[in-house]
N, C-alpha and C. Protein backbone atom coordinates (compact mmCIF):
# COMPACT_ATOMS: atom_id res chain seq x y z
N MET A 1 8.21 -7.11 1.08
CA MET A 1 6.85 -6.90 1.60
C MET A 1 6.87 -6.43 3.06
N LEU A 2 7.65 -7.04 3.93
CA LEU A 2 7.80 -6.57 5.28
C LEU A 2 9.25 -6.27 5.59
N ARG A 3 9.48 -5.17 6.20
CA ARG A 3 10.82 -4.83 6.69
C ARG A 3 10.68 -4.27 8.13
N ASP A 4 11.73 -4.48 8.92
CA ASP A 4 11.68 -4.02 10.30
C ASP A 4 11.45 -2.53 10.36
N VAL A 5 10.73 -2.04 11.37
CA VAL A 5 10.55 -0.64 11.62
C VAL A 5 11.89 -0.08 12.09
N LEU A 6 12.29 1.10 11.59
CA LEU A 6 13.48 1.77 11.98
C LEU A 6 13.17 3.08 12.68
N ILE A 7 14.13 3.59 13.38
CA ILE A 7 13.94 4.92 14.09
C ILE A 7 13.49 5.99 13.07
N ALA A 8 14.05 5.90 11.87
CA ALA A 8 13.71 6.88 10.84
C ALA A 8 12.25 6.80 10.39
N ASP A 9 11.56 5.76 10.73
CA ASP A 9 10.14 5.62 10.37
C ASP A 9 9.19 6.33 11.33
N ARG A 10 9.72 6.91 12.39
CA ARG A 10 8.83 7.46 13.47
C ARG A 10 7.81 8.44 12.92
N GLU A 11 8.25 9.36 12.16
CA GLU A 11 7.31 10.42 11.72
C GLU A 11 6.34 9.94 10.66
N ILE A 12 6.77 9.06 9.75
CA ILE A 12 5.78 8.62 8.76
C ILE A 12 4.74 7.78 9.39
N ILE A 13 5.03 7.00 10.46
CA ILE A 13 4.04 6.22 11.18
C ILE A 13 3.02 7.18 11.83
N ARG A 14 3.54 8.30 12.43
CA ARG A 14 2.62 9.24 13.02
C ARG A 14 1.69 9.84 11.99
N ARG A 15 2.22 10.16 10.82
CA ARG A 15 1.33 10.71 9.78
C ARG A 15 0.29 9.70 9.40
N TRP A 16 0.70 8.42 9.27
CA TRP A 16 -0.26 7.39 8.92
C TRP A 16 -1.36 7.24 9.99
N ARG A 17 -0.94 7.25 11.27
CA ARG A 17 -1.88 7.04 12.36
C ARG A 17 -2.92 8.20 12.39
N ASN A 18 -2.52 9.38 11.87
CA ASN A 18 -3.40 10.55 11.90
C ASN A 18 -4.22 10.61 10.63
N GLN A 19 -4.08 9.72 9.66
CA GLN A 19 -5.00 9.74 8.50
C GLN A 19 -6.38 9.44 8.95
N PRO A 20 -7.34 10.18 8.53
CA PRO A 20 -8.73 9.94 8.97
C PRO A 20 -9.22 8.53 8.73
N GLU A 21 -8.86 7.92 7.59
CA GLU A 21 -9.34 6.58 7.27
C GLU A 21 -8.74 5.56 8.15
N ILE A 22 -7.47 5.79 8.62
CA ILE A 22 -6.86 4.83 9.58
C ILE A 22 -7.33 5.09 10.99
N ALA A 23 -7.36 6.33 11.40
CA ALA A 23 -7.83 6.70 12.76
C ALA A 23 -9.25 6.14 12.99
N ALA A 24 -10.07 6.14 11.91
CA ALA A 24 -11.42 5.67 12.09
C ALA A 24 -11.52 4.22 12.49
N GLN A 25 -10.50 3.43 12.21
CA GLN A 25 -10.52 2.03 12.56
C GLN A 25 -9.62 1.66 13.76
N MET A 26 -9.01 2.67 14.36
CA MET A 26 -8.21 2.47 15.56
C MET A 26 -9.06 2.76 16.81
N TYR A 27 -8.51 2.37 17.94
CA TYR A 27 -9.27 2.53 19.16
C TYR A 27 -9.31 3.93 19.67
N SER A 28 -8.37 4.79 19.21
CA SER A 28 -8.43 6.20 19.51
C SER A 28 -8.40 6.96 18.15
N ASP A 29 -9.10 8.06 18.11
CA ASP A 29 -9.10 8.79 16.82
C ASP A 29 -8.81 10.26 17.00
N HIS A 30 -8.21 10.61 18.12
CA HIS A 30 -7.77 12.01 18.32
C HIS A 30 -6.48 12.29 17.47
N LEU A 31 -6.19 13.54 17.23
CA LEU A 31 -5.00 13.89 16.49
C LEU A 31 -3.78 13.60 17.39
N ILE A 32 -2.87 12.80 16.91
CA ILE A 32 -1.70 12.42 17.72
C ILE A 32 -0.59 13.38 17.48
N GLY A 33 -0.17 14.05 18.56
CA GLY A 33 0.90 15.01 18.48
C GLY A 33 2.31 14.37 18.50
N GLN A 34 3.30 15.14 18.23
CA GLN A 34 4.66 14.58 18.10
C GLN A 34 5.13 14.02 19.44
N GLU A 35 4.89 14.70 20.58
CA GLU A 35 5.35 14.21 21.85
C GLU A 35 4.66 12.89 22.22
N GLU A 36 3.34 12.84 22.10
CA GLU A 36 2.62 11.61 22.39
C GLU A 36 3.10 10.47 21.53
N HIS A 37 3.30 10.73 20.25
CA HIS A 37 3.76 9.68 19.33
C HIS A 37 5.17 9.26 19.70
N ALA A 38 6.02 10.19 20.02
CA ALA A 38 7.40 9.86 20.40
C ALA A 38 7.44 8.92 21.57
N ARG A 39 6.58 9.15 22.60
CA ARG A 39 6.54 8.24 23.75
C ARG A 39 6.06 6.88 23.36
N TRP A 40 4.97 6.83 22.52
CA TRP A 40 4.46 5.52 22.06
C TRP A 40 5.51 4.78 21.26
N PHE A 41 6.16 5.50 20.34
CA PHE A 41 7.11 4.90 19.44
C PHE A 41 8.29 4.32 20.23
N ALA A 42 8.85 5.12 21.17
CA ALA A 42 9.93 4.63 21.98
C ALA A 42 9.60 3.37 22.77
N ALA A 43 8.37 3.36 23.36
CA ALA A 43 7.94 2.17 24.11
C ALA A 43 7.85 1.02 23.19
N ALA A 44 7.28 1.23 22.02
CA ALA A 44 7.06 0.13 21.08
C ALA A 44 8.38 -0.42 20.60
N MET A 45 9.33 0.39 20.36
CA MET A 45 10.64 -0.07 19.84
C MET A 45 11.41 -0.89 20.87
N HIS A 46 11.09 -0.68 22.16
CA HIS A 46 11.86 -1.32 23.22
C HIS A 46 11.04 -2.40 23.94
N ASP A 47 9.86 -2.70 23.40
CA ASP A 47 8.97 -3.70 24.02
C ASP A 47 9.39 -5.10 23.59
N PRO A 48 9.86 -5.96 24.52
CA PRO A 48 10.34 -7.29 24.11
C PRO A 48 9.21 -8.19 23.67
N HIS A 49 7.96 -7.80 23.90
CA HIS A 49 6.83 -8.63 23.49
C HIS A 49 6.13 -8.07 22.25
N ARG A 50 6.87 -7.35 21.46
CA ARG A 50 6.37 -6.73 20.28
C ARG A 50 7.33 -6.80 19.15
N ARG A 51 6.83 -7.04 17.92
CA ARG A 51 7.62 -6.95 16.72
C ARG A 51 6.76 -6.13 15.72
N GLN A 52 7.48 -5.25 14.99
CA GLN A 52 6.73 -4.39 14.08
C GLN A 52 7.47 -4.20 12.77
N TRP A 53 6.66 -4.10 11.68
CA TRP A 53 7.20 -3.99 10.36
C TRP A 53 6.50 -2.84 9.58
N ILE A 54 7.26 -2.38 8.62
CA ILE A 54 6.69 -1.48 7.59
C ILE A 54 6.33 -2.42 6.42
N ILE A 55 5.11 -2.25 5.90
CA ILE A 55 4.69 -2.97 4.69
C ILE A 55 5.20 -2.16 3.50
N ALA A 56 5.99 -2.84 2.67
CA ALA A 56 6.51 -2.17 1.48
C ALA A 56 5.93 -2.81 0.23
N HIS A 57 5.71 -1.97 -0.81
CA HIS A 57 5.20 -2.50 -2.09
C HIS A 57 5.85 -1.75 -3.21
N ARG A 58 6.53 -2.45 -4.06
CA ARG A 58 7.22 -1.86 -5.23
C ARG A 58 8.17 -0.71 -4.77
N GLY A 59 8.86 -0.92 -3.71
CA GLY A 59 9.83 0.07 -3.24
C GLY A 59 9.25 1.20 -2.40
N ASP A 60 7.93 1.25 -2.24
CA ASP A 60 7.29 2.29 -1.45
C ASP A 60 6.84 1.78 -0.10
N ASP A 61 6.96 2.55 0.96
CA ASP A 61 6.44 2.18 2.25
C ASP A 61 4.94 2.51 2.25
N VAL A 62 4.10 1.51 2.48
CA VAL A 62 2.66 1.73 2.28
C VAL A 62 1.81 1.32 3.47
N GLY A 63 2.43 0.86 4.58
CA GLY A 63 1.63 0.49 5.72
C GLY A 63 2.42 -0.07 6.85
N PHE A 64 1.73 -0.57 7.85
CA PHE A 64 2.33 -0.97 9.13
C PHE A 64 1.70 -2.26 9.59
N ALA A 65 2.52 -3.17 10.16
CA ALA A 65 1.99 -4.40 10.72
C ALA A 65 2.81 -4.69 11.99
N CYS A 66 2.15 -5.36 12.97
CA CYS A 66 2.86 -5.69 14.20
C CYS A 66 2.30 -6.90 14.89
N LEU A 67 3.09 -7.57 15.60
CA LEU A 67 2.73 -8.57 16.58
C LEU A 67 2.84 -7.91 17.95
N THR A 68 1.89 -8.08 18.82
CA THR A 68 1.96 -7.53 20.17
C THR A 68 1.62 -8.68 21.18
N GLU A 69 1.87 -8.40 22.44
CA GLU A 69 1.57 -9.37 23.50
C GLU A 69 2.21 -10.72 23.14
N LEU A 70 3.39 -10.67 22.56
CA LEU A 70 4.09 -11.89 22.10
C LEU A 70 4.57 -12.64 23.34
N ASP A 71 4.04 -13.84 23.51
CA ASP A 71 4.38 -14.72 24.64
C ASP A 71 4.94 -16.01 24.06
N ALA A 72 6.26 -16.11 24.01
CA ALA A 72 6.93 -17.27 23.43
C ALA A 72 6.58 -18.58 24.21
N ALA A 73 6.49 -18.46 25.51
CA ALA A 73 6.23 -19.70 26.32
C ALA A 73 4.83 -20.20 26.01
N ALA A 74 3.86 -19.30 25.97
CA ALA A 74 2.52 -19.73 25.68
C ALA A 74 2.26 -19.95 24.22
N GLY A 75 3.11 -19.40 23.34
CA GLY A 75 2.92 -19.53 21.93
C GLY A 75 1.79 -18.71 21.37
N THR A 76 1.59 -17.52 21.94
CA THR A 76 0.50 -16.65 21.56
C THR A 76 0.95 -15.24 21.26
N ALA A 77 0.18 -14.53 20.45
CA ALA A 77 0.43 -13.12 20.19
C ALA A 77 -0.81 -12.56 19.55
N ALA A 78 -0.97 -11.24 19.60
CA ALA A 78 -1.99 -10.53 18.86
C ALA A 78 -1.34 -9.83 17.69
N TRP A 79 -2.12 -9.46 16.76
CA TRP A 79 -1.51 -8.74 15.60
C TRP A 79 -2.50 -7.72 15.04
N ALA A 80 -1.94 -6.74 14.30
CA ALA A 80 -2.78 -5.72 13.66
C ALA A 80 -1.98 -5.19 12.45
N PHE A 81 -2.72 -4.56 11.55
CA PHE A 81 -2.02 -3.95 10.36
C PHE A 81 -2.94 -2.91 9.78
N TYR A 82 -2.37 -2.00 9.00
CA TYR A 82 -3.17 -1.12 8.16
C TYR A 82 -2.33 -0.74 6.93
N LEU A 83 -3.07 -0.46 5.88
CA LEU A 83 -2.49 0.11 4.64
C LEU A 83 -2.70 1.57 4.68
N ALA A 84 -1.63 2.33 4.53
CA ALA A 84 -1.74 3.79 4.59
C ALA A 84 -1.96 4.40 3.19
N ALA A 85 -1.74 3.61 2.16
CA ALA A 85 -1.89 4.10 0.80
C ALA A 85 -3.32 3.80 0.26
N PRO A 86 -4.21 4.77 0.21
CA PRO A 86 -5.61 4.45 -0.24
C PRO A 86 -5.72 3.72 -1.55
N ARG A 87 -4.77 4.00 -2.49
CA ARG A 87 -4.85 3.35 -3.80
C ARG A 87 -4.69 1.86 -3.72
N LEU A 88 -4.07 1.37 -2.62
CA LEU A 88 -3.80 -0.07 -2.53
C LEU A 88 -4.87 -0.80 -1.77
N ARG A 89 -5.81 -0.18 -1.16
CA ARG A 89 -6.86 -0.86 -0.40
C ARG A 89 -7.76 -1.57 -1.43
N GLY A 90 -7.91 -2.86 -1.19
CA GLY A 90 -8.71 -3.65 -2.13
C GLY A 90 -7.90 -4.23 -3.28
N SER A 91 -6.58 -3.92 -3.28
CA SER A 91 -5.72 -4.38 -4.40
C SER A 91 -5.17 -5.76 -4.24
N GLY A 92 -5.21 -6.27 -2.99
CA GLY A 92 -4.59 -7.55 -2.69
C GLY A 92 -3.31 -7.41 -1.87
N VAL A 93 -2.82 -6.20 -1.75
CA VAL A 93 -1.61 -5.93 -0.97
C VAL A 93 -1.87 -6.28 0.52
N GLY A 94 -3.03 -5.97 1.00
CA GLY A 94 -3.36 -6.32 2.37
C GLY A 94 -3.31 -7.82 2.60
N ALA A 95 -3.79 -8.60 1.66
CA ALA A 95 -3.73 -10.05 1.76
C ALA A 95 -2.28 -10.54 1.72
N LEU A 96 -1.44 -9.92 0.92
CA LEU A 96 -0.03 -10.26 0.91
C LEU A 96 0.63 -9.99 2.31
N ALA A 97 0.31 -8.84 2.87
CA ALA A 97 0.84 -8.52 4.16
C ALA A 97 0.34 -9.45 5.25
N GLU A 98 -0.93 -9.83 5.20
CA GLU A 98 -1.46 -10.75 6.19
C GLU A 98 -0.81 -12.12 6.04
N PHE A 99 -0.62 -12.58 4.84
CA PHE A 99 0.03 -13.88 4.61
C PHE A 99 1.48 -13.83 5.19
N ALA A 100 2.18 -12.75 4.96
CA ALA A 100 3.55 -12.64 5.40
C ALA A 100 3.62 -12.64 6.94
N VAL A 101 2.72 -11.94 7.59
CA VAL A 101 2.72 -11.91 9.07
C VAL A 101 2.29 -13.30 9.67
N VAL A 102 1.29 -13.92 9.08
CA VAL A 102 0.85 -15.23 9.57
C VAL A 102 1.96 -16.24 9.37
N GLU A 103 2.65 -16.22 8.23
CA GLU A 103 3.78 -17.12 8.00
C GLU A 103 4.86 -16.92 9.08
N ARG A 104 5.14 -15.72 9.43
CA ARG A 104 6.14 -15.48 10.50
C ARG A 104 5.62 -15.96 11.85
N ALA A 105 4.34 -15.72 12.10
CA ALA A 105 3.78 -16.10 13.39
C ALA A 105 3.88 -17.58 13.64
N PHE A 106 3.51 -18.39 12.65
CA PHE A 106 3.46 -19.82 12.81
C PHE A 106 4.75 -20.48 12.33
N GLY A 107 5.64 -19.72 11.70
CA GLY A 107 6.93 -20.29 11.23
C GLY A 107 7.99 -19.91 12.21
N PRO A 108 8.79 -18.85 11.96
CA PRO A 108 9.91 -18.49 12.84
C PRO A 108 9.51 -18.25 14.25
N PHE A 109 8.38 -17.63 14.54
CA PHE A 109 7.98 -17.37 15.92
C PHE A 109 7.32 -18.57 16.60
N ALA A 110 6.98 -19.61 15.83
CA ALA A 110 6.47 -20.86 16.36
C ALA A 110 5.27 -20.68 17.30
N LEU A 111 4.36 -19.75 16.94
CA LEU A 111 3.17 -19.54 17.76
C LEU A 111 2.17 -20.69 17.64
N ARG A 112 1.34 -20.85 18.59
CA ARG A 112 0.25 -21.81 18.55
C ARG A 112 -1.07 -21.09 18.17
N ARG A 113 -1.17 -19.84 18.54
CA ARG A 113 -2.40 -19.10 18.30
C ARG A 113 -2.18 -17.64 18.09
N LEU A 114 -2.83 -17.06 17.12
CA LEU A 114 -2.73 -15.66 16.77
C LEU A 114 -4.12 -15.03 16.94
N SER A 115 -4.17 -13.88 17.55
CA SER A 115 -5.46 -13.24 17.76
C SER A 115 -5.44 -11.82 17.25
N CYS A 116 -6.66 -11.25 17.06
CA CYS A 116 -6.78 -9.85 16.63
C CYS A 116 -8.14 -9.33 17.04
N GLU A 117 -8.29 -8.04 16.99
CA GLU A 117 -9.56 -7.36 17.26
C GLU A 117 -9.80 -6.38 16.13
N VAL A 118 -11.11 -6.31 15.70
CA VAL A 118 -11.51 -5.44 14.63
C VAL A 118 -12.82 -4.75 15.00
N LEU A 119 -12.89 -3.43 14.80
CA LEU A 119 -14.16 -2.77 15.07
C LEU A 119 -15.27 -3.35 14.22
N VAL A 120 -16.45 -3.40 14.81
CA VAL A 120 -17.54 -4.16 14.14
C VAL A 120 -17.97 -3.65 12.80
N ASP A 121 -17.71 -2.33 12.56
CA ASP A 121 -18.12 -1.82 11.24
C ASP A 121 -17.06 -2.01 10.17
N ASN A 122 -15.92 -2.60 10.47
CA ASN A 122 -14.86 -2.75 9.53
C ASN A 122 -15.05 -4.13 8.83
N GLN A 123 -16.07 -4.26 8.07
CA GLN A 123 -16.49 -5.55 7.51
C GLN A 123 -15.43 -6.10 6.52
N ALA A 124 -14.81 -5.20 5.77
CA ALA A 124 -13.80 -5.71 4.79
C ALA A 124 -12.66 -6.42 5.45
N VAL A 125 -12.17 -5.88 6.58
CA VAL A 125 -11.08 -6.51 7.30
C VAL A 125 -11.57 -7.79 8.02
N LEU A 126 -12.75 -7.73 8.59
CA LEU A 126 -13.28 -8.94 9.25
C LEU A 126 -13.36 -10.08 8.26
N HIS A 127 -13.90 -9.82 7.05
CA HIS A 127 -14.00 -10.85 6.03
C HIS A 127 -12.64 -11.32 5.57
N GLY A 128 -11.67 -10.39 5.46
CA GLY A 128 -10.34 -10.74 5.03
C GLY A 128 -9.72 -11.70 6.06
N HIS A 129 -9.84 -11.41 7.31
CA HIS A 129 -9.27 -12.31 8.36
C HIS A 129 -9.95 -13.68 8.31
N GLU A 130 -11.20 -13.72 8.12
CA GLU A 130 -11.96 -15.00 8.08
C GLU A 130 -11.51 -15.80 6.89
N ALA A 131 -11.17 -15.17 5.81
CA ALA A 131 -10.65 -15.92 4.61
C ALA A 131 -9.34 -16.64 4.99
N PHE A 132 -8.59 -16.09 5.89
CA PHE A 132 -7.35 -16.72 6.30
C PHE A 132 -7.57 -17.81 7.34
N GLY A 133 -8.82 -17.95 7.83
CA GLY A 133 -9.10 -18.98 8.82
C GLY A 133 -9.34 -18.46 10.19
N PHE A 134 -9.28 -17.15 10.40
CA PHE A 134 -9.61 -16.60 11.72
C PHE A 134 -11.11 -16.85 11.98
N THR A 135 -11.40 -17.22 13.25
CA THR A 135 -12.77 -17.40 13.65
C THR A 135 -13.11 -16.36 14.72
N ARG A 136 -14.42 -15.92 14.70
CA ARG A 136 -14.86 -14.97 15.75
C ARG A 136 -15.04 -15.65 17.06
N THR A 137 -14.43 -15.09 18.06
CA THR A 137 -14.51 -15.68 19.38
C THR A 137 -15.37 -14.91 20.35
N GLY A 138 -15.83 -13.71 19.94
CA GLY A 138 -16.67 -12.94 20.80
C GLY A 138 -16.72 -11.54 20.41
N VAL A 139 -17.66 -10.78 21.06
CA VAL A 139 -17.76 -9.35 20.84
C VAL A 139 -17.31 -8.65 22.10
N LEU A 140 -16.48 -7.63 21.90
CA LEU A 140 -15.94 -6.84 23.01
C LEU A 140 -16.74 -5.56 23.07
N SER A 141 -17.64 -5.49 24.06
CA SER A 141 -18.55 -4.36 24.13
C SER A 141 -17.85 -3.04 24.45
N ALA A 142 -18.25 -2.00 23.78
CA ALA A 142 -17.75 -0.67 24.00
C ALA A 142 -16.20 -0.63 24.07
N ARG A 143 -15.60 -1.29 23.10
CA ARG A 143 -14.13 -1.41 23.10
C ARG A 143 -13.47 -0.07 22.77
N ALA A 144 -14.18 0.77 22.05
CA ALA A 144 -13.62 2.10 21.65
C ALA A 144 -14.72 3.11 21.69
N VAL A 145 -14.34 4.37 21.70
CA VAL A 145 -15.25 5.49 21.60
C VAL A 145 -14.89 6.23 20.32
N LYS A 146 -15.79 6.28 19.38
CA LYS A 146 -15.59 6.90 18.11
C LYS A 146 -16.63 8.04 17.91
N ARG A 147 -16.15 9.23 17.74
CA ARG A 147 -17.06 10.42 17.57
C ARG A 147 -18.05 10.47 18.75
N GLY A 148 -17.55 10.17 19.94
CA GLY A 148 -18.35 10.29 21.15
C GLY A 148 -19.27 9.15 21.43
N ALA A 149 -19.23 8.10 20.57
CA ALA A 149 -20.17 6.93 20.77
C ALA A 149 -19.37 5.67 20.99
N ALA A 150 -19.81 4.82 21.93
CA ALA A 150 -19.15 3.55 22.21
C ALA A 150 -19.32 2.63 21.00
N VAL A 151 -18.29 1.96 20.67
CA VAL A 151 -18.25 1.03 19.48
C VAL A 151 -17.72 -0.32 19.94
N ASP A 152 -18.36 -1.39 19.53
CA ASP A 152 -17.92 -2.71 19.88
C ASP A 152 -16.80 -3.17 18.89
N ALA A 153 -16.08 -4.20 19.33
CA ALA A 153 -15.07 -4.82 18.45
C ALA A 153 -15.29 -6.32 18.45
N VAL A 154 -14.86 -6.97 17.40
CA VAL A 154 -14.96 -8.40 17.24
C VAL A 154 -13.60 -8.96 17.55
N ALA A 155 -13.52 -10.03 18.40
CA ALA A 155 -12.33 -10.71 18.68
C ALA A 155 -12.26 -11.94 17.76
N LEU A 156 -11.07 -12.18 17.22
CA LEU A 156 -10.86 -13.33 16.31
C LEU A 156 -9.57 -14.04 16.71
N GLU A 157 -9.54 -15.36 16.35
CA GLU A 157 -8.33 -16.15 16.65
C GLU A 157 -8.07 -17.07 15.48
N LEU A 158 -6.78 -17.40 15.31
CA LEU A 158 -6.37 -18.37 14.29
C LEU A 158 -5.38 -19.36 15.01
N ALA A 159 -5.76 -20.63 15.00
CA ALA A 159 -4.83 -21.62 15.56
C ALA A 159 -3.91 -22.14 14.50
N ARG A 160 -2.69 -22.59 14.98
CA ARG A 160 -1.72 -23.07 14.01
C ARG A 160 -2.24 -24.23 13.16
N GLU A 161 -3.02 -25.12 13.78
CA GLU A 161 -3.58 -26.27 13.03
C GLU A 161 -4.52 -25.83 11.93
N GLU A 162 -5.31 -24.82 12.24
CA GLU A 162 -6.23 -24.33 11.20
C GLU A 162 -5.48 -23.65 10.07
N TRP A 163 -4.40 -22.95 10.40
CA TRP A 163 -3.53 -22.32 9.40
C TRP A 163 -2.93 -23.41 8.51
N GLN A 164 -2.42 -24.45 9.11
CA GLN A 164 -1.81 -25.53 8.30
C GLN A 164 -2.81 -26.18 7.35
N ARG A 165 -4.06 -26.23 7.81
CA ARG A 165 -5.12 -26.78 6.93
C ARG A 165 -5.44 -25.84 5.80
N ARG A 166 -5.50 -24.58 6.06
CA ARG A 166 -5.90 -23.59 5.09
C ARG A 166 -4.77 -23.10 4.18
N ARG A 167 -3.52 -23.23 4.65
CA ARG A 167 -2.38 -22.66 3.95
C ARG A 167 -2.27 -23.00 2.49
N PRO A 168 -2.48 -24.26 2.07
CA PRO A 168 -2.35 -24.53 0.63
C PRO A 168 -3.22 -23.70 -0.24
N ALA A 169 -4.50 -23.62 0.18
CA ALA A 169 -5.48 -22.82 -0.64
C ALA A 169 -5.09 -21.34 -0.61
N MET A 170 -4.70 -20.81 0.60
CA MET A 170 -4.29 -19.44 0.66
C MET A 170 -3.04 -19.13 -0.14
N ALA A 171 -2.11 -20.11 -0.08
CA ALA A 171 -0.84 -19.92 -0.86
C ALA A 171 -1.18 -19.79 -2.39
N GLY A 172 -2.13 -20.57 -2.86
CA GLY A 172 -2.48 -20.43 -4.25
C GLY A 172 -3.08 -19.06 -4.54
N ARG A 173 -3.93 -18.57 -3.61
CA ARG A 173 -4.52 -17.21 -3.81
C ARG A 173 -3.42 -16.19 -3.78
N ILE A 174 -2.50 -16.25 -2.86
CA ILE A 174 -1.45 -15.28 -2.73
C ILE A 174 -0.53 -15.25 -3.99
N GLU A 175 -0.23 -16.47 -4.48
CA GLU A 175 0.58 -16.53 -5.70
C GLU A 175 -0.12 -15.84 -6.89
N ARG A 176 -1.43 -16.00 -6.98
CA ARG A 176 -2.18 -15.31 -8.06
C ARG A 176 -2.13 -13.81 -7.91
N ILE A 177 -2.24 -13.33 -6.63
CA ILE A 177 -2.11 -11.88 -6.40
C ILE A 177 -0.72 -11.39 -6.76
N GLU A 178 0.27 -12.15 -6.37
CA GLU A 178 1.65 -11.78 -6.70
C GLU A 178 1.91 -11.64 -8.19
N ARG A 179 1.35 -12.63 -8.91
CA ARG A 179 1.51 -12.61 -10.40
C ARG A 179 0.81 -11.36 -10.95
N ARG A 180 -0.40 -11.10 -10.47
CA ARG A 180 -1.14 -10.00 -11.00
C ARG A 180 -0.44 -8.63 -10.65
N LEU A 181 0.18 -8.50 -9.50
CA LEU A 181 0.84 -7.31 -9.08
C LEU A 181 2.29 -7.24 -9.51
N GLY A 182 2.79 -8.43 -9.96
CA GLY A 182 4.20 -8.47 -10.41
C GLY A 182 5.19 -8.24 -9.27
N VAL A 183 4.97 -8.84 -8.11
CA VAL A 183 5.81 -8.62 -7.00
C VAL A 183 6.52 -9.97 -6.62
N PRO A 184 7.66 -9.87 -5.82
CA PRO A 184 8.37 -11.10 -5.44
C PRO A 184 7.51 -12.06 -4.62
N GLY A 185 7.91 -13.34 -4.63
CA GLY A 185 7.11 -14.37 -4.03
C GLY A 185 7.24 -14.55 -2.52
N ILE A 186 6.17 -14.28 -1.77
CA ILE A 186 6.17 -14.59 -0.34
C ILE A 186 6.08 -16.08 -0.16
N VAL A 187 5.23 -16.73 -0.95
CA VAL A 187 5.00 -18.13 -0.75
C VAL A 187 6.21 -18.96 -1.05
N THR A 188 6.96 -18.58 -2.06
CA THR A 188 8.17 -19.36 -2.44
C THR A 188 9.34 -18.99 -1.54
N GLY A 189 9.17 -17.91 -0.76
CA GLY A 189 10.30 -17.55 0.12
C GLY A 189 11.25 -16.53 -0.53
N ASP A 190 10.90 -16.07 -1.74
CA ASP A 190 11.73 -15.06 -2.34
C ASP A 190 11.66 -13.73 -1.60
N GLU A 191 10.61 -13.49 -0.87
CA GLU A 191 10.37 -12.24 -0.18
C GLU A 191 11.24 -12.31 1.11
N SER A 192 12.56 -12.05 0.93
CA SER A 192 13.56 -11.95 1.99
C SER A 192 13.66 -13.23 2.84
N ARG A 193 13.12 -14.31 2.29
CA ARG A 193 13.20 -15.65 2.95
C ARG A 193 12.57 -15.59 4.36
N LEU A 194 11.67 -14.61 4.58
CA LEU A 194 11.03 -14.44 5.90
C LEU A 194 12.06 -14.31 6.99
N ALA A 195 13.18 -13.68 6.66
CA ALA A 195 14.31 -13.65 7.59
C ALA A 195 14.23 -12.54 8.63
N ALA A 196 13.39 -11.52 8.35
CA ALA A 196 13.38 -10.38 9.26
C ALA A 196 12.57 -10.71 10.48
N VAL A 197 13.08 -11.48 11.40
CA VAL A 197 12.34 -11.91 12.55
C VAL A 197 12.81 -11.27 13.79
N SER A 198 13.59 -10.17 13.69
CA SER A 198 14.24 -9.54 14.82
C SER A 198 13.25 -9.20 15.92
């Protein structure tokens, strides 16, 4: 489900970031050139406060997930993800990826709190996060400019205690999705034993 980002993934991530459906939900939506992306990618690969993964499904690379602003002392981080394969949106693969990242955040990374931001019009992702226990903590006014207009974002947080409370129900949901999709078990630890914590 998740594998570490490699140098060889640089160009596919740029192509994904330039997909109109993905750019529409990012804070910038201009066409990202090779030089700009190379600078961003190099910085991301060497950032000690960041971890990033490729989301894989049935042997195909289908999206991107990351932890940013990782503060081990405070036990906090932010996170984001996207699915680049339109056919998989709404399939449950996004929920599998979210479960895998949250499990890493509160398991191997031992975080106390995980946060994220979502543009206000991205209701599907907002509701998806809330199903995992994320709560809205505020609105970030004019967080992005999309097609020349200022757009707000919603800030959300998930505390480790809330995740521990919700995890059994979410694990059941994730196992049902896994059975439906016929993929290895994240919940049982078959999915690489959550070992890719580099």
